[in-house]
Amino acid sequence: MEVVYANRKIQKVCDSLASMRRSLGDLRAQRLEARIQQLEEASCLEDLRHVAGDWHELGQNRKGQIAANIGHPYRLIIEPVADPLPTKPDGGLDWSQVIAVQIVEIVDYH
């Protein structure tokens, strides 16, 4: 899957394991590196539905975003890159049609 970054700040954090460690510590850095690798190796978002990371859609003010666990309480937040977003007949996001994502932020939104 194609992976892009929302801004230079998040890209800088994700550039290398060393910069991830400086920003997040060892454990979260390792998990973030694994989540980014999962994204890059997946052919579509559907491939991530049942792998480590608890990938899930968000709601309310984060509708349209997807989160993955990188160590409680922090989450990696991504958004599909498509216009219009691919949807299923029931209106939900069609994960099988999402082939590009944007990394938005790493945050504790709880």
PDB file of N, CA and C in Angstrom:
ATOM      1  N   MET A   1       0.846  -1.160   0.000  1.00  0.00           N
ATOM      2  CA  MET A   1       0.000   0.000   0.000  1.00  0.00           C
ATOM      3  C   MET A   1       0.897   1.230   0.000  1.00  0.00           C
ATOM      4  N   GLU A   2       0.438   2.264  -0.636  1.00  0.00           N
ATOM      5  CA  GLU A   2       1.179   3.524  -0.639  1.00  0.00           C
ATOM      6  C   GLU A   2       0.959   4.237   0.692  1.00  0.00           C
ATOM      7  N   VAL A   3       2.048   4.735   1.279  1.00  0.00           N
ATOM      8  CA  VAL A   3       1.982   5.430   2.563  1.00  0.00           C
ATOM      9  C   VAL A   3       2.606   6.811   2.391  1.00  0.00           C
ATOM     10  N   VAL A   4       1.838   7.842   2.739  1.00  0.00           N
ATOM     11  CA  VAL A   4       2.330   9.217   2.707  1.00  0.00           C
ATOM     12  C   VAL A   4       2.114   9.821   4.095  1.00  0.00           C
ATOM     13  N   TYR A   5       2.669  10.998   4.310  1.00  0.00           N
ATOM     14  CA  TYR A   5       2.590  11.651   5.617  1.00  0.00           C
ATOM     15  C   TYR A   5       1.820  12.957   5.504  1.00  0.00           C
ATOM     16  N   ALA A   6       1.048  13.271   6.545  1.00  0.00           N
ATOM     17  CA  ALA A   6       0.220  14.473   6.550  1.00  0.00           C
ATOM     18  C   ALA A   6       1.055  15.745   6.584  1.00  0.00           C
ATOM     19  N   ASN A   7       2.227  15.659   7.224  1.00  0.00           N
ATOM     20  CA  ASN A   7       3.086  16.843   7.313  1.00  0.00           C
ATOM     21  C   ASN A   7       4.522  16.421   7.591  1.00  0.00           C
ATOM     22  N   ARG A   8       5.410  17.347   7.488  1.00  0.00           N
ATOM     23  CA  ARG A   8       6.841  17.082   7.677  1.00  0.00           C
ATOM     24  C   ARG A   8       7.150  16.646   9.116  1.00  0.00           C
ATOM     25  N   LYS A   9       6.423  17.176  10.081  1.00  0.00           N
ATOM     26  CA  LYS A   9       6.663  16.843  11.484  1.00  0.00           C
ATOM     27  C   LYS A   9       6.461  15.352  11.743  1.00  0.00           C
ATOM     28  N   ILE A  10       5.352  14.796  11.289  1.00  0.00           N
ATOM     29  CA  ILE A  10       5.086  13.364  11.511  1.00  0.00           C
ATOM     30  C   ILE A  10       6.039  12.513  10.668  1.00  0.00           C
ATOM     31  N   GLN A  11       6.387  12.991   9.490  1.00  0.00           N
ATOM     32  CA  GLN A  11       7.328  12.250   8.657  1.00  0.00           C
ATOM     33  C   GLN A  11       8.697  12.167   9.338  1.00  0.00           C
ATOM     34  N   LYS A  12       9.103  13.248   9.975  1.00  0.00           N
ATOM     35  CA  LYS A  12      10.397  13.280  10.659  1.00  0.00           C
ATOM     36  C   LYS A  12      10.431  12.274  11.810  1.00  0.00           C
ATOM     37  N   VAL A  13       9.332  12.165  12.556  1.00  0.00           N
ATOM     38  CA  VAL A  13       9.258  11.193  13.649  1.00  0.00           C
ATOM     39  C   VAL A  13       9.375   9.773  13.099  1.00  0.00           C
ATOM     40  N   CYS A  14       8.756   9.524  11.954  1.00  0.00           N
ATOM     41  CA  CYS A  14       8.690   8.179  11.380  1.00  0.00           C
ATOM     42  C   CYS A  14       9.851   7.842  10.450  1.00  0.00           C
ATOM     43  N   ASP A  15      10.775   8.753  10.241  1.00  0.00           N
ATOM     44  CA  ASP A  15      11.893   8.560   9.303  1.00  0.00           C
ATOM     45  C   ASP A  15      12.796   7.383   9.645  1.00  0.00           C
ATOM     46  N   SER A  16      13.065   7.183  10.926  1.00  0.00           N
ATOM     47  CA  SER A  16      13.998   6.130  11.320  1.00  0.00           C
ATOM     48  C   SER A  16      13.637   5.629  12.709  1.00  0.00           C
ATOM     49  N   LEU A  17      14.129   4.447  13.023  1.00  0.00           N
ATOM     50  CA  LEU A  17      13.897   3.895  14.349  1.00  0.00           C
ATOM     51  C   LEU A  17      14.518   4.795  15.422  1.00  0.00           C
ATOM     52  N   ALA A  18      15.640   5.411  15.123  1.00  0.00           N
ATOM     53  CA  ALA A  18      16.282   6.311  16.092  1.00  0.00           C
ATOM     54  C   ALA A  18      15.397   7.515  16.400  1.00  0.00           C
ATOM     55  N   SER A  19      14.790   8.121  15.392  1.00  0.00           N
ATOM     56  CA  SER A  19      13.918   9.273  15.653  1.00  0.00           C
ATOM     57  C   SER A  19      12.632   8.839  16.351  1.00  0.00           C
ATOM     58  N   MET A  20      12.145   7.632  16.043  1.00  0.00           N
ATOM     59  CA  MET A  20      10.974   7.102  16.752  1.00  0.00           C
ATOM     60  C   MET A  20      11.307   6.909  18.228  1.00  0.00           C
ATOM     61  N   ARG A  21      12.483   6.360  18.503  1.00  0.00           N
ATOM     62  CA  ARG A  21      12.896   6.139  19.897  1.00  0.00           C
ATOM     63  C   ARG A  21      13.015   7.447  20.669  1.00  0.00           C
ATOM     64  N   ARG A  22      13.581   8.457  20.028  1.00  0.00           N
ATOM     65  CA  ARG A  22      13.710   9.766  20.690  1.00  0.00           C
ATOM     66  C   ARG A  22      12.334  10.333  21.042  1.00  0.00           C
ATOM     67  N   SER A  23      11.367  10.149  20.159  1.00  0.00           N
ATOM     68  CA  SER A  23      10.037  10.723  20.369  1.00  0.00           C
ATOM     69  C   SER A  23       9.137   9.881  21.260  1.00  0.00           C
ATOM     70  N   LEU A  24       9.285   8.544  21.178  1.00  0.00           N
ATOM     71  CA  LEU A  24       8.292   7.665  21.792  1.00  0.00           C
ATOM     72  C   LEU A  24       8.829   6.662  22.799  1.00  0.00           C
ATOM     73  N   GLY A  25      10.138   6.509  22.874  1.00  0.00           N
ATOM     74  CA  GLY A  25      10.707   5.468  23.717  1.00  0.00           C
ATOM     75  C   GLY A  25      10.853   4.169  22.929  1.00  0.00           C
ATOM     76  N   ASP A  26      11.564   3.213  23.518  1.00  0.00           N
ATOM     77  CA  ASP A  26      11.913   1.978  22.811  1.00  0.00           C
ATOM     78  C   ASP A  26      10.710   1.133  22.396  1.00  0.00           C
ATOM     79  N   LEU A  27       9.835   0.808  23.326  1.00  0.00           N
ATOM     80  CA  LEU A  27       8.718  -0.098  23.035  1.00  0.00           C
ATOM     81  C   LEU A  27       7.775   0.481  21.986  1.00  0.00           C
ATOM     82  N   ARG A  28       7.355   1.723  22.182  1.00  0.00           N
ATOM     83  CA  ARG A  28       6.439   2.348  21.212  1.00  0.00           C
ATOM     84  C   ARG A  28       7.109   2.529  19.857  1.00  0.00           C
ATOM     85  N   ALA A  29       8.402   2.813  19.849  1.00  0.00           N
ATOM     86  CA  ALA A  29       9.130   2.961  18.587  1.00  0.00           C
ATOM     87  C   ALA A  29       9.130   1.647  17.819  1.00  0.00           C
ATOM     88  N   GLN A  30       9.367   0.543  18.509  1.00  0.00           N
ATOM     89  CA  GLN A  30       9.352  -0.762  17.846  1.00  0.00           C
ATOM     90  C   GLN A  30       7.969  -1.072  17.285  1.00  0.00           C
ATOM     91  N   ARG A  31       6.941  -0.758  18.042  1.00  0.00           N
ATOM     92  CA  ARG A  31       5.580  -1.008  17.568  1.00  0.00           C
ATOM     93  C   ARG A  31       5.216  -0.098  16.403  1.00  0.00           C
ATOM     94  N   LEU A  32       5.630   1.162  16.470  1.00  0.00           N
ATOM     95  CA  LEU A  32       5.358   2.076  15.365  1.00  0.00           C
ATOM     96  C   LEU A  32       6.056   1.588  14.100  1.00  0.00           C
ATOM     97  N   GLU A  33       7.297   1.188  14.234  1.00  0.00           N
ATOM     98  CA  GLU A  33       8.025   0.670  13.071  1.00  0.00           C
ATOM     99  C   GLU A  33       7.297  -0.542  12.481  1.00  0.00           C
ATOM    100  N   ALA A  34       6.790  -1.425  13.341  1.00  0.00           N
ATOM    101  CA  ALA A  34       6.054  -2.597  12.872  1.00  0.00           C
ATOM    102  C   ALA A  34       4.757  -2.193  12.167  1.00  0.00           C
ATOM    103  N   ARG A  35       4.035  -1.203  12.702  1.00  0.00           N
ATOM    104  CA  ARG A  35       2.775  -0.771  12.071  1.00  0.00           C
ATOM    105  C   ARG A  35       3.035  -0.149  10.697  1.00  0.00           C
ATOM    106  N   ILE A  36       4.092   0.653  10.584  1.00  0.00           N
ATOM    107  CA  ILE A  36       4.425   1.255   9.289  1.00  0.00           C
ATOM    108  C   ILE A  36       4.811   0.165   8.298  1.00  0.00           C
ATOM    109  N   GLN A  37       5.547  -0.820   8.754  1.00  0.00           N
ATOM    110  CA  GLN A  37       5.914  -1.944   7.886  1.00  0.00           C
ATOM    111  C   GLN A  37       4.672  -2.712   7.446  1.00  0.00           C
ATOM    112  N   GLN A  38       3.721  -2.910   8.359  1.00  0.00           N
ATOM    113  CA  GLN A  38       2.462  -3.567   7.998  1.00  0.00           C
ATOM    114  C   GLN A  38       1.751  -2.789   6.893  1.00  0.00           C
ATOM    115  N   LEU A  39       1.704  -1.470   7.048  1.00  0.00           N
ATOM    116  CA  LEU A  39       1.057  -0.634   6.033  1.00  0.00           C
ATOM    117  C   LEU A  39       1.737  -0.783   4.680  1.00  0.00           C
ATOM    118  N   GLU A  40       3.058  -0.715   4.678  1.00  0.00           N
ATOM    119  CA  GLU A  40       3.805  -0.766   3.422  1.00  0.00           C
ATOM    120  C   GLU A  40       3.701  -2.126   2.735  1.00  0.00           C
ATOM    121  N   GLU A  41       3.576  -3.199   3.524  1.00  0.00           N
ATOM    122  CA  GLU A  41       3.506  -4.541   2.953  1.00  0.00           C
ATOM    123  C   GLU A  41       2.096  -4.953   2.532  1.00  0.00           C
ATOM    124  N   ALA A  42       1.094  -4.296   3.056  1.00  0.00           N
ATOM    125  CA  ALA A  42      -0.291  -4.636   2.721  1.00  0.00           C
ATOM    126  C   ALA A  42      -0.618  -4.193   1.297  1.00  0.00           C
ATOM    127  N   SER A  43      -1.451  -4.959   0.633  1.00  0.00           N
ATOM    128  CA  SER A  43      -1.898  -4.539  -0.699  1.00  0.00           C
ATOM    129  C   SER A  43      -3.096  -3.603  -0.578  1.00  0.00           C
ATOM    130  N   CYS A  44      -3.857  -3.757   0.488  1.00  0.00           N
ATOM    131  CA  CYS A  44      -4.985  -2.864   0.761  1.00  0.00           C
ATOM    132  C   CYS A  44      -5.232  -2.860   2.269  1.00  0.00           C
ATOM    133  N   LEU A  45      -6.053  -1.962   2.721  1.00  0.00           N
ATOM    134  CA  LEU A  45      -6.331  -1.818   4.146  1.00  0.00           C
ATOM    135  C   LEU A  45      -6.946  -3.083   4.740  1.00  0.00           C
ATOM    136  N   GLU A  46      -7.711  -3.809   3.964  1.00  0.00           N
ATOM    137  CA  GLU A  46      -8.351  -5.044   4.434  1.00  0.00           C
ATOM    138  C   GLU A  46      -7.321  -6.040   4.973  1.00  0.00           C
ATOM    139  N   ASP A  47      -6.117  -6.037   4.414  1.00  0.00           N
ATOM    140  CA  ASP A  47      -5.059  -6.949   4.861  1.00  0.00           C
ATOM    141  C   ASP A  47      -4.682  -6.718   6.319  1.00  0.00           C
ATOM    142  N   LEU A  48      -5.008  -5.577   6.881  1.00  0.00           N
ATOM    143  CA  LEU A  48      -4.627  -5.237   8.253  1.00  0.00           C
ATOM    144  C   LEU A  48      -5.713  -5.537   9.280  1.00  0.00           C
ATOM    145  N   ARG A  49      -6.870  -5.915   8.810  1.00  0.00           N
ATOM    146  CA  ARG A  49      -8.007  -6.093   9.710  1.00  0.00           C
ATOM    147  C   ARG A  49      -7.753  -7.117  10.817  1.00  0.00           C
ATOM    148  N   HIS A  50      -6.987  -8.168  10.520  1.00  0.00           N
ATOM    149  CA  HIS A  50      -6.800  -9.243  11.506  1.00  0.00           C
ATOM    150  C   HIS A  50      -5.333  -9.501  11.836  1.00  0.00           C
ATOM    151  N   VAL A  51      -4.521  -8.455  11.818  1.00  0.00           N
ATOM    152  CA  VAL A  51      -3.115  -8.583  12.211  1.00  0.00           C
ATOM    153  C   VAL A  51      -2.887  -7.795  13.503  1.00  0.00           C
ATOM    154  N   ALA A  52      -1.714  -7.947  14.072  1.00  0.00           N
ATOM    155  CA  ALA A  52      -1.384  -7.227  15.302  1.00  0.00           C
ATOM    156  C   ALA A  52      -1.565  -5.726  15.105  1.00  0.00           C
ATOM    157  N   GLY A  53      -1.987  -5.058  16.146  1.00  0.00           N
ATOM    158  CA  GLY A  53      -2.146  -3.611  16.092  1.00  0.00           C
ATOM    159  C   GLY A  53      -3.554  -3.143  16.346  1.00  0.00           C
ATOM    160  N   ASP A  54      -4.524  -4.078  16.323  1.00  0.00           N
ATOM    161  CA  ASP A  54      -5.917  -3.707  16.568  1.00  0.00           C
ATOM    162  C   ASP A  54      -6.348  -2.538  15.689  1.00  0.00           C
ATOM    163  N   TRP A  55      -6.179  -2.678  14.368  1.00  0.00           N
ATOM    164  CA  TRP A  55      -6.591  -1.646  13.416  1.00  0.00           C
ATOM    165  C   TRP A  55      -8.107  -1.498  13.468  1.00  0.00           C
ATOM    166  N   HIS A  56      -8.589  -0.278  13.642  1.00  0.00           N
ATOM    167  CA  HIS A  56     -10.034  -0.069  13.737  1.00  0.00           C
ATOM    168  C   HIS A  56     -10.420   1.348  13.306  1.00  0.00           C
ATOM    169  N   GLU A  57     -11.646   1.456  12.803  1.00  0.00           N
ATOM    170  CA  GLU A  57     -12.180   2.755  12.400  1.00  0.00           C
ATOM    171  C   GLU A  57     -12.587   3.539  13.632  1.00  0.00           C
ATOM    172  N   LEU A  58     -12.436   4.846  13.539  1.00  0.00           N
ATOM    173  CA  LEU A  58     -12.827   5.735  14.618  1.00  0.00           C
ATOM    174  C   LEU A  58     -14.143   6.404  14.277  1.00  0.00           C
ATOM    175  N   GLY A  59     -14.777   6.957  15.264  1.00  0.00           N
ATOM    176  CA  GLY A  59     -16.065   7.615  15.059  1.00  0.00           C
ATOM    177  C   GLY A  59     -16.064   9.030  15.592  1.00  0.00           C
ATOM    178  N   GLN A  60     -17.241   9.589  15.667  1.00  0.00           N
ATOM    179  CA  GLN A  60     -17.490  10.938  16.171  1.00  0.00           C
ATOM    180  C   GLN A  60     -16.608  11.961  15.466  1.00  0.00           C
ATOM    181  N   ASN A  61     -15.817  12.732  16.201  1.00  0.00           N
ATOM    182  CA  ASN A  61     -15.026  13.792  15.557  1.00  0.00           C
ATOM    183  C   ASN A  61     -13.810  13.243  14.803  1.00  0.00           C
ATOM    184  N   ARG A  62     -13.587  11.937  14.847  1.00  0.00           N
ATOM    185  CA  ARG A  62     -12.491  11.303  14.107  1.00  0.00           C
ATOM    186  C   ARG A  62     -13.022  10.358  13.027  1.00  0.00           C
ATOM    187  N   LYS A  63     -14.259  10.549  12.638  1.00  0.00           N
ATOM    188  CA  LYS A  63     -14.853   9.718  11.579  1.00  0.00           C
ATOM    189  C   LYS A  63     -14.015   9.845  10.313  1.00  0.00           C
ATOM    190  N   GLY A  64     -13.757   8.699   9.676  1.00  0.00           N
ATOM    191  CA  GLY A  64     -12.934   8.676   8.483  1.00  0.00           C
ATOM    192  C   GLY A  64     -11.482   8.345   8.772  1.00  0.00           C
ATOM    193  N   GLN A  65     -11.135   8.272  10.059  1.00  0.00           N
ATOM    194  CA  GLN A  65      -9.774   7.926  10.444  1.00  0.00           C
ATOM    195  C   GLN A  65      -9.732   6.492  10.970  1.00  0.00           C
ATOM    196  N   ILE A  66      -8.548   5.910  10.919  1.00  0.00           N
ATOM    197  CA  ILE A  66      -8.319   4.546  11.381  1.00  0.00           C
ATOM    198  C   ILE A  66      -7.160   4.602  12.362  1.00  0.00           C
ATOM    199  N   ALA A  67      -7.264   3.817  13.435  1.00  0.00           N
ATOM    200  CA  ALA A  67      -6.236   3.816  14.466  1.00  0.00           C
ATOM    201  C   ALA A  67      -5.627   2.432  14.611  1.00  0.00           C
ATOM    202  N   ALA A  68      -4.360   2.424  15.038  1.00  0.00           N
ATOM    203  CA  ALA A  68      -3.662   1.188  15.396  1.00  0.00           C
ATOM    204  C   ALA A  68      -2.945   1.428  16.715  1.00  0.00           C
ATOM    205  N   ASN A  69      -2.934   0.427  17.546  1.00  0.00           N
ATOM    206  CA  ASN A  69      -2.301   0.519  18.857  1.00  0.00           C
ATOM    207  C   ASN A  69      -0.780   0.465  18.711  1.00  0.00           C
ATOM    208  N   ILE A  70      -0.087   1.394  19.368  1.00  0.00           N
ATOM    209  CA  ILE A  70       1.378   1.330  19.424  1.00  0.00           C
ATOM    210  C   ILE A  70       1.870   1.312  20.869  1.00  0.00           C
ATOM    211  N   GLY A  71       0.992   1.003  21.787  1.00  0.00           N
ATOM    212  CA  GLY A  71       1.337   0.969  23.212  1.00  0.00           C
ATOM    213  C   GLY A  71       0.416   1.898  23.966  1.00  0.00           C
ATOM    214  N   HIS A  72      -0.400   1.312  24.826  1.00  0.00           N
ATOM    215  CA  HIS A  72      -1.425   2.090  25.525  1.00  0.00           C
ATOM    216  C   HIS A  72      -0.813   3.302  26.207  1.00  0.00           C
ATOM    217  N   PRO A  73      -1.420   4.435  26.058  1.00  0.00           N
ATOM    218  CA  PRO A  73      -2.659   4.776  25.377  1.00  0.00           C
ATOM    219  C   PRO A  73      -2.447   5.334  23.963  1.00  0.00           C
ATOM    220  N   TYR A  74      -1.268   5.201  23.409  1.00  0.00           N
ATOM    221  CA  TYR A  74      -0.956   5.859  22.131  1.00  0.00           C
ATOM    222  C   TYR A  74      -1.439   5.064  20.932  1.00  0.00           C
ATOM    223  N   ARG A  75      -1.881   5.816  19.916  1.00  0.00           N
ATOM    224  CA  ARG A  75      -2.382   5.233  18.678  1.00  0.00           C
ATOM    225  C   ARG A  75      -1.730   5.920  17.482  1.00  0.00           C
ATOM    226  N   LEU A  76      -1.506   5.129  16.438  1.00  0.00           N
ATOM    227  CA  LEU A  76      -1.098   5.646  15.136  1.00  0.00           C
ATOM    228  C   LEU A  76      -2.390   5.925  14.385  1.00  0.00           C
ATOM    229  N   ILE A  77      -2.573   7.143  13.903  1.00  0.00           N
ATOM    230  CA  ILE A  77      -3.796   7.547  13.209  1.00  0.00           C
ATOM    231  C   ILE A  77      -3.487   7.705  11.720  1.00  0.00           C
ATOM    232  N   ILE A  78      -4.299   7.028  10.902  1.00  0.00           N
ATOM    233  CA  ILE A  78      -4.159   7.133   9.450  1.00  0.00           C
ATOM    234  C   ILE A  78      -5.506   7.509   8.839  1.00  0.00           C
ATOM    235  N   GLU A  79      -5.436   7.993   7.608  1.00  0.00           N
ATOM    236  CA  GLU A  79      -6.648   8.290   6.832  1.00  0.00           C
ATOM    237  C   GLU A  79      -6.465   7.725   5.433  1.00  0.00           C
ATOM    238  N   PRO A  80      -7.521   7.179   4.854  1.00  0.00           N
ATOM    239  CA  PRO A  80      -7.440   6.736   3.462  1.00  0.00           C
ATOM    240  C   PRO A  80      -7.179   7.929   2.542  1.00  0.00           C
ATOM    241  N   VAL A  81      -6.400   7.690   1.494  1.00  0.00           N
ATOM    242  CA  VAL A  81      -6.150   8.720   0.491  1.00  0.00           C
ATOM    243  C   VAL A  81      -6.950   8.322  -0.733  1.00  0.00           C
ATOM    244  N   ALA A  82      -8.119   8.897  -0.859  1.00  0.00           N
ATOM    245  CA  ALA A  82      -8.993   8.628  -2.007  1.00  0.00           C
ATOM    246  C   ALA A  82     -10.078   9.686  -2.032  1.00  0.00           C
ATOM    247  N   ASP A  83     -10.460  10.069  -3.208  1.00  0.00           N
ATOM    248  CA  ASP A  83     -11.536  11.044  -3.359  1.00  0.00           C
ATOM    249  C   ASP A  83     -12.394  10.632  -4.548  1.00  0.00           C
ATOM    250  N   PRO A  84     -13.554  10.136  -4.306  1.00  0.00           N
ATOM    251  CA  PRO A  84     -14.245   9.941  -3.021  1.00  0.00           C
ATOM    252  C   PRO A  84     -13.755   8.681  -2.312  1.00  0.00           C
ATOM    253  N   LEU A  85     -14.056   8.596  -1.024  1.00  0.00           N
ATOM    254  CA  LEU A  85     -13.704   7.413  -0.259  1.00  0.00           C
ATOM    255  C   LEU A  85     -14.516   6.222  -0.760  1.00  0.00           C
ATOM    256  N   PRO A  86     -13.878   5.057  -0.896  1.00  0.00           N
ATOM    257  CA  PRO A  86     -14.634   3.875  -1.317  1.00  0.00           C
ATOM    258  C   PRO A  86     -15.542   3.404  -0.185  1.00  0.00           C
ATOM    259  N   THR A  87     -16.799   3.225  -0.482  1.00  0.00           N
ATOM    260  CA  THR A  87     -17.751   2.813   0.539  1.00  0.00           C
ATOM    261  C   THR A  87     -18.478   1.544   0.127  1.00  0.00           C
ATOM    262  N   LYS A  88     -18.970   0.831   1.134  1.00  0.00           N
ATOM    263  CA  LYS A  88     -19.790  -0.358   0.935  1.00  0.00           C
ATOM    264  C   LYS A  88     -21.237   0.112   0.788  1.00  0.00           C
ATOM    265  N   PRO A  89     -22.127  -0.768   0.336  1.00  0.00           N
ATOM    266  CA  PRO A  89     -23.539  -0.384   0.186  1.00  0.00           C
ATOM    267  C   PRO A  89     -24.170   0.176   1.457  1.00  0.00           C
ATOM    268  N   ASP A  90     -23.695  -0.286   2.633  1.00  0.00           N
ATOM    269  CA  ASP A  90     -24.263   0.217   3.894  1.00  0.00           C
ATOM    270  C   ASP A  90     -23.682   1.565   4.299  1.00  0.00           C
ATOM    271  N   GLY A  91     -22.734   2.100   3.502  1.00  0.00           N
ATOM    272  CA  GLY A  91     -22.158   3.410   3.775  1.00  0.00           C
ATOM    273  C   GLY A  91     -20.834   3.372   4.498  1.00  0.00           C
ATOM    274  N   GLY A  92     -20.428   2.204   5.021  1.00  0.00           N
ATOM    275  CA  GLY A  92     -19.156   2.083   5.715  1.00  0.00           C
ATOM    276  C   GLY A  92     -17.980   2.093   4.753  1.00  0.00           C
ATOM    277  N   LEU A  93     -16.813   2.314   5.270  1.00  0.00           N
ATOM    278  CA  LEU A  93     -15.597   2.340   4.468  1.00  0.00           C
ATOM    279  C   LEU A  93     -15.308   0.942   3.925  1.00  0.00           C
ATOM    280  N   ASP A  94     -15.033   0.848   2.634  1.00  0.00           N
ATOM    281  CA  ASP A  94     -14.673  -0.427   2.008  1.00  0.00           C
ATOM    282  C   ASP A  94     -13.162  -0.602   2.103  1.00  0.00           C
ATOM    283  N   TRP A  95     -12.712  -1.299   3.130  1.00  0.00           N
ATOM    284  CA  TRP A  95     -11.289  -1.469   3.393  1.00  0.00           C
ATOM    285  C   TRP A  95     -10.578  -2.156   2.240  1.00  0.00           C
ATOM    286  N   SER A  96     -11.268  -2.995   1.515  1.00  0.00           N
ATOM    287  CA  SER A  96     -10.631  -3.736   0.416  1.00  0.00           C
ATOM    288  C   SER A  96     -10.277  -2.836  -0.760  1.00  0.00           C
ATOM    289  N   GLN A  97     -10.825  -1.638  -0.821  1.00  0.00           N
ATOM    290  CA  GLN A  97     -10.566  -0.711  -1.925  1.00  0.00           C
ATOM    291  C   GLN A  97      -9.582   0.405  -1.552  1.00  0.00           C
ATOM    292  N   VAL A  98      -9.143   0.445  -0.306  1.00  0.00           N
ATOM    293  CA  VAL A  98      -8.202   1.478   0.136  1.00  0.00           C
ATOM    294  C   VAL A  98      -6.784   0.973  -0.130  1.00  0.00           C
ATOM    295  N   ILE A  99      -6.094   1.616  -1.076  1.00  0.00           N
ATOM    296  CA  ILE A  99      -4.747   1.187  -1.460  1.00  0.00           C
ATOM    297  C   ILE A  99      -3.691   2.255  -1.164  1.00  0.00           C
ATOM    298  N   ALA A 100      -4.096   3.353  -0.550  1.00  0.00           N
ATOM    299  CA  ALA A 100      -3.171   4.418  -0.165  1.00  0.00           C
ATOM    300  C   ALA A 100      -3.686   5.065   1.114  1.00  0.00           C
ATOM    301  N   VAL A 101      -2.765   5.345   2.033  1.00  0.00           N
ATOM    302  CA  VAL A 101      -3.143   5.981   3.292  1.00  0.00           C
ATOM    303  C   VAL A 101      -2.157   7.087   3.628  1.00  0.00           C
ATOM    304  N   GLN A 102      -2.635   7.972   4.480  1.00  0.00           N
ATOM    305  CA  GLN A 102      -1.825   9.075   4.978  1.00  0.00           C
ATOM    306  C   GLN A 102      -1.676   8.918   6.484  1.00  0.00           C
ATOM    307  N   ILE A 103      -0.447   8.952   6.974  1.00  0.00           N
ATOM    308  CA  ILE A 103      -0.221   8.934   8.417  1.00  0.00           C
ATOM    309  C   ILE A 103      -0.451  10.347   8.927  1.00  0.00           C
ATOM    310  N   VAL A 104      -1.405  10.473   9.833  1.00  0.00           N
ATOM    311  CA  VAL A 104      -1.842  11.777  10.316  1.00  0.00           C
ATOM    312  C   VAL A 104      -1.137  12.192  11.597  1.00  0.00           C
ATOM    313  N   GLU A 105      -1.131  11.279  12.582  1.00  0.00           N
ATOM    314  CA  GLU A 105      -0.525  11.631  13.867  1.00  0.00           C
ATOM    315  C   GLU A 105      -0.341  10.413  14.742  1.00  0.00           C
ATOM    316  N   ILE A 106       0.409  10.611  15.792  1.00  0.00           N
ATOM    317  CA  ILE A 106       0.564   9.636  16.874  1.00  0.00           C
ATOM    318  C   ILE A 106       0.065  10.363  18.100  1.00  0.00           C
ATOM    319  N   VAL A 107      -0.973   9.797  18.745  1.00  0.00           N
ATOM    320  CA  VAL A 107      -1.665  10.570  19.767  1.00  0.00           C
ATOM    321  C   VAL A 107      -2.312   9.674  20.800  1.00  0.00           C
ATOM    322  N   ASP A 108      -2.506  10.230  21.982  1.00  0.00           N
ATOM    323  CA  ASP A 108      -3.348   9.639  23.013  1.00  0.00           C
ATOM    324  C   ASP A 108      -4.656  10.415  22.968  1.00  0.00           C
ATOM    325  N   TYR A 109      -5.683   9.877  22.345  1.00  0.00           N
ATOM    326  CA  TYR A 109      -6.957  10.593  22.224  1.00  0.00           C
ATOM    327  C   TYR A 109      -7.962  10.168  23.280  1.00  0.00           C
ATOM    328  N   HIS A 110      -7.532   9.375  24.231  1.00  0.00           N
ATOM    329  CA  HIS A 110      -8.459   8.881  25.266  1.00  0.00           C
ATOM    330  C   HIS A 110      -8.737   9.924  26.320  1.00  0.00           C
TER     331      HIS A 110
END
